[in-house]
Amino acid sequence: MKETTITTTRKIQILVDSPDKDFIKDAYKTLSRWQAICQRSANYLFTHQFIQHQLKDMVYLREDIQLKLADWTTDPQGMLTTSRQNSTYRFLSSQFKGLIPMHILNALNHTLVSTYSQKAGAYQRGEESISNYKHDIPIPFLAENVRRLTYIKERNEYSFQLFSIPFRTYLGHDQVDKRRLMQQWLEGTVKFCGSSLRLAKRKLYLLATFEQKKERPVLSDEIIAEASLSLDYPVVLTIGKAVFKVGNKEEFLYRRMAIQAARQRALSAASFCRGGKGKKRKFQGTAKFKDIEREFVRTKLHTYSKKVIDLCLAHNAATLILVNQTEKEEQAKNNTFVLRNWGYGGLKEKLAYKAARAGITIITE
């Protein structure tokens, strides 16, 4: 049976809702401390899960040792005193209880154990190394941890409490659907799921996850759209006799290369900058280019993919075919310029996500 719901995640900027500057400062210190604990916990968790999973391959252990990873109270052959998922939770609890809300560790444990299980086969075969989590790891929490969601009419924003810390949203001139989703969450027409907080560049973001019903537009199986991905035009869409060119080389490729050139000029000039404070001061002029290219590409790919899906819906096309895409990806592997400047994977991923939400079937030739 086809799924009738879809999960959507939105990045919403939030602020600590208090006029007291000392309270806001203490709140950010608390969140920073929790984030550091989450980083340590995540790395602990993956290490323990990996060791448990690899025990049966440690041929240098005694043969009479029971190596079955199961709770010995339910399985006589088991070597654990609890389930595998609960084993890491108990370890994290012993290390950090009282330093962080246990609901955070519970959510972190549940999410990462599921993530590890999905990649366990690749770890077992040595095809991938276990994940190493950095300091900017999101702080996960459960849906029931959010309380007192309220609409602030004067600001046209929303406020809520999370672990006794008051927050309010900063949606600004929302051009997506964040405000609509927040209102539907308040009204109870969409389900708010376990989400997370992220501290980045002195700003705080709510990575809100919503579960909502799939949109069911009236589409015709007889109408097929064909899309061709290329550098000259990011997407050329053909629906019947109509041809649509989404984006162009000037606004995407040339702009991206301009950003790369600007960064290279800044790096070349850095050798003439005044030092005295180490590398950070010398490369201060290049810091702004750290994420600018990635964010530019991400924004453009979202724009292009939305435009393509909107055109398919406007023409009631139930199927979208990516023409000769497999061949193009193979050719791109041998072309450094194309591989560096045009990521087929990112656009395909965003097209697949938006198409699934709209009920459109994607076929890759």
Protein backbone atom coordinates (compact mmCIF):
# COMPACT_ATOMS: atom_id res chain seq x y z
CA MET A 1 0.00 0.00 0.00
CA LYS A 2 1.33 3.46 -0.92
CA GLU A 3 2.28 5.79 1.89
CA THR A 4 -0.31 8.49 2.51
CA THR A 5 1.97 10.80 4.52
CA ILE A 6 5.25 12.56 3.89
CA THR A 7 7.82 13.94 6.33
CA THR A 8 8.96 17.52 5.84
CA THR A 9 11.82 19.29 7.65
CA ARG A 10 12.07 23.08 7.78
CA LYS A 11 14.94 25.18 9.13
CA ILE A 12 13.41 27.97 11.23
CA GLN A 13 15.45 30.62 12.99
CA ILE A 14 14.48 31.07 16.63
CA LEU A 15 15.46 33.43 19.44
CA VAL A 16 15.44 33.12 23.21
CA ASP A 17 12.26 34.97 24.18
CA SER A 18 13.34 37.14 27.11
CA PRO A 19 14.18 40.82 27.66
CA ASP A 20 16.86 39.83 30.20
CA LYS A 21 20.27 39.77 28.48
CA ASP A 22 21.83 37.73 31.30
CA PHE A 23 19.09 35.09 30.95
CA ILE A 24 19.68 34.91 27.18
CA LYS A 25 23.42 34.57 27.72
CA ASP A 26 22.92 31.76 30.25
CA ALA A 27 20.49 30.01 27.90
CA TYR A 28 23.03 30.01 25.07
CA LYS A 29 25.72 28.71 27.43
CA THR A 30 23.38 25.88 28.49
CA LEU A 31 22.59 24.96 24.88
CA SER A 32 26.29 25.06 23.97
CA ARG A 33 27.05 22.71 26.86
CA TRP A 34 24.29 20.33 25.76
CA GLN A 35 25.60 20.42 22.20
CA ALA A 36 29.10 19.46 23.39
CA ILE A 37 27.62 16.55 25.36
CA CYS A 38 25.65 15.45 22.29
CA GLN A 39 28.86 15.38 20.26
CA ARG A 40 30.64 13.21 22.82
CA SER A 41 27.59 11.00 23.24
CA ALA A 42 27.21 10.45 19.49
CA ASN A 43 30.84 9.38 19.12
CA TYR A 44 30.60 7.15 22.20
CA LEU A 45 27.41 5.61 20.84
CA PHE A 46 28.80 4.73 17.41
CA THR A 47 31.98 3.33 18.95
CA HIS A 48 30.04 1.02 21.29
CA GLN A 49 27.65 -0.12 18.56
CA PHE A 50 30.59 -0.85 16.26
CA ILE A 51 32.48 -2.84 18.89
CA GLN A 52 29.39 -4.89 19.72
CA HIS A 53 28.79 -5.60 16.03
CA GLN A 54 32.41 -6.62 15.40
CA LEU A 55 32.84 -8.93 18.40
CA LYS A 56 31.94 -12.05 16.43
CA ASP A 57 34.79 -11.34 13.99
CA MET A 58 37.44 -11.04 16.69
CA VAL A 59 39.06 -14.42 16.08
CA TYR A 60 41.58 -13.89 18.86
CA LEU A 61 38.94 -14.31 21.60
CA ARG A 62 38.38 -17.62 23.39
CA GLU A 63 36.06 -19.97 21.53
CA ASP A 64 33.91 -20.75 24.57
CA ILE A 65 32.87 -17.08 24.96
CA GLN A 66 29.24 -16.45 24.06
CA LEU A 67 29.19 -13.91 21.23
CA LYS A 68 25.48 -13.48 20.60
CA LEU A 69 24.41 -9.85 20.98
CA ALA A 70 21.16 -10.33 22.82
CA ASP A 71 19.70 -9.85 26.29
CA TRP A 72 20.72 -12.89 28.36
CA THR A 73 17.44 -12.71 30.30
CA THR A 74 15.49 -13.50 27.11
CA ASP A 75 18.13 -15.54 25.24
CA PRO A 76 20.38 -18.02 27.10
CA GLN A 77 23.10 -17.47 24.49
CA GLY A 78 23.06 -13.69 24.92
CA MET A 79 26.00 -11.78 26.37
CA LEU A 80 24.25 -8.45 27.09
CA THR A 81 22.31 -7.51 30.20
CA THR A 82 19.83 -5.54 28.08
CA SER A 83 18.92 -4.92 24.42
CA ARG A 84 21.52 -3.47 22.04
CA GLN A 85 19.72 -0.14 21.78
CA ASN A 86 19.24 0.14 25.53
CA SER A 87 22.87 -0.82 26.19
CA THR A 88 24.18 2.44 24.72
CA TYR A 89 21.43 4.47 26.41
CA ARG A 90 22.43 3.03 29.79
CA PHE A 91 26.07 3.89 29.10
CA LEU A 92 25.22 7.48 28.14
CA SER A 93 23.00 7.76 31.20
CA SER A 94 25.84 6.66 33.47
CA GLN A 95 28.14 9.28 31.94
CA PHE A 96 25.91 12.33 31.58
CA LYS A 97 22.87 11.97 33.85
CA GLY A 98 22.23 15.28 35.58
CA LEU A 99 24.25 17.25 33.01
CA ILE A 100 21.68 17.15 30.21
CA PRO A 101 17.95 16.32 29.96
CA MET A 102 17.62 12.57 29.48
CA HIS A 103 14.99 13.08 26.77
CA ILE A 104 17.79 14.50 24.60
CA LEU A 105 19.97 11.44 25.13
CA ASN A 106 16.96 9.18 24.52
CA ALA A 107 16.22 10.89 21.19
CA LEU A 108 19.90 10.88 20.21
CA ASN A 109 20.25 7.20 21.05
CA HIS A 110 17.13 6.21 19.11
CA THR A 111 18.13 8.20 16.01
CA LEU A 112 21.77 7.14 15.85
CA VAL A 113 21.15 3.46 16.58
CA SER A 114 18.74 3.44 13.63
CA THR A 115 21.33 5.24 11.50
CA TYR A 116 24.01 2.75 12.50
CA SER A 117 21.78 -0.22 11.71
CA GLN A 118 21.22 1.09 8.17
CA LYS A 119 24.98 1.28 7.53
CA ALA A 120 26.04 -1.75 9.58
CA GLY A 121 26.56 -3.87 6.46
CA ALA A 122 28.96 -1.34 4.91
CA TYR A 123 30.87 -1.10 8.20
CA GLN A 124 31.03 -4.89 8.41
CA ARG A 125 32.52 -5.16 4.89
CA GLY A 126 34.99 -2.34 5.52
CA GLU A 127 33.48 -0.17 2.77
CA GLU A 128 32.85 2.76 5.12
CA SER A 129 34.35 4.07 8.33
CA ILE A 130 32.11 4.88 11.26
CA SER A 131 30.81 8.44 11.45
CA ASN A 132 32.73 11.08 13.37
CA TYR A 133 30.43 13.76 14.75
CA LYS A 134 31.64 17.35 15.01
CA HIS A 135 30.87 20.16 17.45
CA ASP A 136 27.97 21.50 15.34
CA ILE A 137 25.83 18.37 15.82
CA PRO A 138 22.12 19.22 16.26
CA ILE A 139 20.52 18.75 19.69
CA PRO A 140 17.64 16.28 19.22
CA PHE A 141 14.48 16.26 21.29
CA LEU A 142 11.07 14.59 21.36
CA ALA A 143 7.84 16.16 20.16
CA GLU A 144 6.35 16.12 23.67
CA ASN A 145 9.23 18.28 24.96
CA VAL A 146 7.74 21.32 23.19
CA ARG A 147 5.13 23.06 25.33
CA ARG A 148 2.95 26.19 25.25
CA LEU A 149 3.01 26.78 21.51
CA THR A 150 1.37 30.21 21.05
CA TYR A 151 0.75 32.64 18.22
CA ILE A 152 2.07 36.17 18.86
CA LYS A 153 -0.31 38.42 16.96
CA GLU A 154 1.71 41.64 17.44
CA ARG A 155 4.81 40.13 15.79
CA ASN A 156 3.07 37.62 13.54
CA GLU A 157 5.39 35.00 15.04
CA TYR A 158 5.13 31.95 17.32
CA SER A 159 6.49 31.19 20.78
CA PHE A 160 7.03 27.95 22.67
CA GLN A 161 8.95 26.45 25.57
CA LEU A 162 11.58 23.74 25.25
CA PHE A 163 13.13 22.32 28.44
CA SER A 164 11.88 25.40 30.35
CA ILE A 165 13.64 27.79 27.96
CA PRO A 166 11.24 30.20 26.16
CA PHE A 167 11.79 30.67 22.42
CA ARG A 168 10.13 32.63 19.65
CA THR A 169 10.40 32.22 15.91
CA TYR A 170 11.91 34.70 13.50
CA LEU A 171 10.23 33.97 10.16
CA GLY A 172 10.72 37.39 8.56
CA HIS A 173 9.31 37.64 5.03
CA ASP A 174 8.70 33.91 4.74
CA GLN A 175 8.56 32.93 1.08
CA VAL A 176 8.34 29.18 1.63
CA ASP A 177 5.72 27.42 3.76
CA LYS A 178 7.19 27.73 7.25
CA ARG A 179 4.51 30.08 8.57
CA ARG A 180 1.77 27.87 7.13
CA LEU A 181 3.27 24.75 8.74
CA MET A 182 3.62 26.53 12.10
CA GLN A 183 -0.05 27.54 11.97
CA GLN A 184 -1.12 24.02 11.02
CA TRP A 185 0.97 22.67 13.90
CA LEU A 186 -0.80 25.07 16.28
CA GLU A 187 -4.19 24.01 14.92
CA GLY A 188 -3.27 20.32 15.06
CA THR A 189 -3.78 19.64 11.35
CA VAL A 190 -0.16 18.46 10.89
CA LYS A 191 1.82 16.27 13.24
CA PHE A 192 4.98 17.67 14.82
CA CYS A 193 7.60 14.91 15.13
CA GLY A 194 10.89 14.62 16.96
CA SER A 195 13.11 17.48 15.83
CA SER A 196 16.38 19.18 16.80
CA LEU A 197 18.09 22.49 17.60
CA ARG A 198 21.24 23.68 15.86
CA LEU A 199 23.65 26.39 17.01
CA ALA A 200 25.60 27.84 14.10
CA LYS A 201 27.45 31.14 13.70
CA ARG A 202 25.93 32.59 16.87
CA LYS A 203 22.45 31.87 15.59
CA LEU A 204 19.92 29.31 16.74
CA TYR A 205 17.77 27.23 14.40
CA LEU A 206 14.89 24.85 14.91
CA LEU A 207 15.06 21.92 12.50
CA ALA A 208 11.33 21.23 12.71
CA THR A 209 10.02 17.95 11.31
CA PHE A 210 6.36 17.70 10.30
CA GLU A 211 4.34 14.74 9.11
CA GLN A 212 1.55 15.67 6.71
CA LYS A 213 -0.69 14.04 4.16
CA LYS A 214 0.60 13.75 0.63
CA GLU A 215 -0.82 16.19 -1.82
CA ARG A 216 -3.01 14.43 -4.38
CA PRO A 217 -3.30 16.60 -7.50
CA VAL A 218 -5.25 15.30 -10.49
CA LEU A 219 -2.56 13.96 -12.83
CA SER A 220 -2.86 12.14 -16.12
CA ASP A 221 -0.86 8.96 -16.75
CA GLU A 222 -0.97 9.74 -20.46
CA ILE A 223 1.01 12.96 -20.05
CA ILE A 224 4.76 12.41 -19.71
CA ALA A 225 7.36 15.10 -19.07
CA GLU A 226 10.96 14.67 -20.22
CA ALA A 227 13.80 16.53 -18.52
CA SER A 228 17.37 16.87 -19.75
CA LEU A 229 20.04 18.08 -17.30
CA SER A 230 23.00 19.99 -18.70
CA LEU A 231 25.44 22.85 -18.06
CA ASP A 232 24.10 25.25 -20.69
CA TYR A 233 20.60 25.06 -19.25
CA PRO A 234 20.30 23.34 -15.86
CA VAL A 235 17.01 21.74 -16.92
CA VAL A 236 15.32 21.56 -20.32
CA LEU A 237 11.77 20.28 -19.78
CA THR A 238 9.63 18.96 -22.61
CA ILE A 239 5.91 18.31 -22.13
CA GLY A 240 4.21 17.44 -25.39
CA LYS A 241 5.11 20.20 -27.85
CA ALA A 242 5.98 22.69 -25.11
CA VAL A 243 9.66 23.20 -24.24
CA PHE A 244 10.74 25.03 -21.07
CA LYS A 245 14.30 26.06 -20.25
CA VAL A 246 14.76 26.34 -16.49
CA GLY A 247 17.77 28.48 -15.60
CA ASN A 248 20.75 29.28 -17.84
CA LYS A 249 24.53 29.17 -17.89
CA GLU A 250 24.95 32.85 -17.03
CA GLU A 251 22.96 32.75 -13.79
CA PHE A 252 24.31 29.42 -12.57
CA LEU A 253 27.66 28.32 -14.00
CA TYR A 254 29.19 31.77 -14.53
CA ARG A 255 28.05 32.98 -11.14
CA ARG A 256 29.48 29.89 -9.46
CA MET A 257 32.81 30.32 -11.24
CA ALA A 258 32.81 33.99 -10.23
CA ILE A 259 32.49 32.97 -6.58
CA GLN A 260 35.37 30.49 -7.02
CA ALA A 261 37.53 33.17 -8.68
CA ALA A 262 36.77 35.69 -5.91
CA ARG A 263 37.77 33.16 -3.29
CA GLN A 264 41.00 32.39 -5.15
CA ARG A 265 41.86 36.10 -5.36
CA ALA A 266 41.24 36.48 -1.63
CA LEU A 267 43.49 33.49 -0.93
CA SER A 268 46.24 34.92 -3.13
CA ALA A 269 46.04 38.27 -1.36
CA ALA A 270 46.07 36.66 2.09
CA SER A 271 49.86 36.28 1.96
CA PHE A 272 50.18 40.08 2.02
CA CYS A 273 47.78 40.56 4.95
CA ARG A 274 49.08 41.60 8.34
CA GLY A 275 49.61 38.68 10.68
CA GLY A 276 50.31 38.74 14.38
CA LYS A 277 47.25 36.77 15.49
CA GLY A 278 47.99 33.55 13.66
CA LYS A 279 46.17 32.06 10.70
CA LYS A 280 42.72 33.35 11.70
CA ARG A 281 43.64 37.01 11.26
CA LYS A 282 45.63 36.43 8.08
CA PHE A 283 42.75 34.65 6.36
CA GLN A 284 40.03 36.90 7.74
CA GLY A 285 39.20 38.16 4.24
CA THR A 286 38.53 34.65 2.93
CA ALA A 287 36.24 33.56 5.77
CA LYS A 288 33.09 34.88 4.08
CA PHE A 289 33.67 32.56 1.12
CA LYS A 290 33.59 29.43 3.29
CA ASP A 291 29.94 28.57 2.72
CA ILE A 292 28.84 31.09 0.07
CA GLU A 293 29.31 28.77 -2.92
CA ARG A 294 27.59 25.83 -1.23
CA GLU A 295 24.60 27.95 -0.21
CA PHE A 296 24.36 29.49 -3.69
CA VAL A 297 24.26 26.07 -5.35
CA ARG A 298 21.80 24.71 -2.80
CA THR A 299 19.42 27.64 -3.31
CA LYS A 300 19.60 27.41 -7.11
CA LEU A 301 18.96 23.66 -7.16
CA HIS A 302 15.93 24.11 -4.92
CA THR A 303 14.66 26.85 -7.25
CA TYR A 304 15.15 24.78 -10.39
CA SER A 305 13.61 21.61 -8.97
CA LYS A 306 10.55 23.50 -7.71
CA LYS A 307 10.08 25.15 -11.09
CA VAL A 308 10.22 21.77 -12.86
CA ILE A 309 7.67 20.16 -10.54
CA ASP A 310 5.37 23.19 -10.77
CA LEU A 311 5.44 22.93 -14.58
CA CYS A 312 4.64 19.21 -14.40
CA LEU A 313 1.68 19.91 -12.12
CA ALA A 314 0.47 22.75 -14.33
CA HIS A 315 0.37 20.34 -17.30
CA ASN A 316 -0.98 17.39 -15.21
CA ALA A 317 2.05 15.21 -16.03
CA ALA A 318 2.09 12.09 -13.85
CA THR A 319 5.56 10.91 -14.99
CA LEU A 320 8.89 12.72 -15.24
CA ILE A 321 11.67 11.04 -17.24
CA LEU A 322 15.30 12.14 -16.85
CA VAL A 323 16.57 11.56 -20.40
CA ASN A 324 19.99 9.89 -20.89
CA GLN A 325 20.88 10.73 -17.28
CA THR A 326 22.86 7.56 -16.55
CA GLU A 327 25.07 8.13 -19.60
CA LYS A 328 25.66 11.78 -18.64
CA GLU A 329 26.73 10.82 -15.12
CA GLU A 330 29.23 8.30 -16.48
CA GLN A 331 30.67 10.93 -18.81
CA ALA A 332 30.88 13.45 -15.98
CA LYS A 333 33.17 11.12 -14.03
CA ASN A 334 35.83 11.62 -16.70
CA ASN A 335 35.32 15.39 -16.95
CA THR A 336 36.78 17.20 -13.94
CA PHE A 337 35.15 20.52 -14.85
CA VAL A 338 31.64 19.06 -15.09
CA LEU A 339 32.12 16.94 -11.97
CA ARG A 340 33.30 19.98 -9.98
CA ASN A 341 30.75 22.51 -11.17
CA TRP A 342 27.56 20.60 -11.88
CA GLY A 343 26.33 18.15 -9.26
CA TYR A 344 23.73 15.93 -10.91
CA GLY A 345 23.13 14.16 -7.61
CA GLY A 346 21.92 17.27 -5.77
CA LEU A 347 19.36 18.20 -8.42
CA LYS A 348 18.14 14.60 -8.79
CA GLU A 349 17.69 14.32 -5.02
CA LYS A 350 15.64 17.51 -4.82
CA LEU A 351 13.57 16.54 -7.86
CA ALA A 352 12.85 13.12 -6.33
CA TYR A 353 11.77 14.65 -3.01
CA LYS A 354 9.45 17.24 -4.53
CA ALA A 355 8.07 14.74 -7.07
CA ALA A 356 7.24 12.22 -4.33
CA ARG A 357 5.40 14.91 -2.42
CA ALA A 358 3.38 15.85 -5.53
CA GLY A 359 2.64 12.26 -6.52
CA ILE A 360 4.81 12.35 -9.68
CA THR A 361 6.80 9.26 -10.71
CA ILE A 362 10.43 9.85 -11.70
CA ILE A 363 12.19 7.51 -14.16
CA THR A 364 15.94 7.77 -14.84
CA GLU A 365 17.10 6.55 -18.23
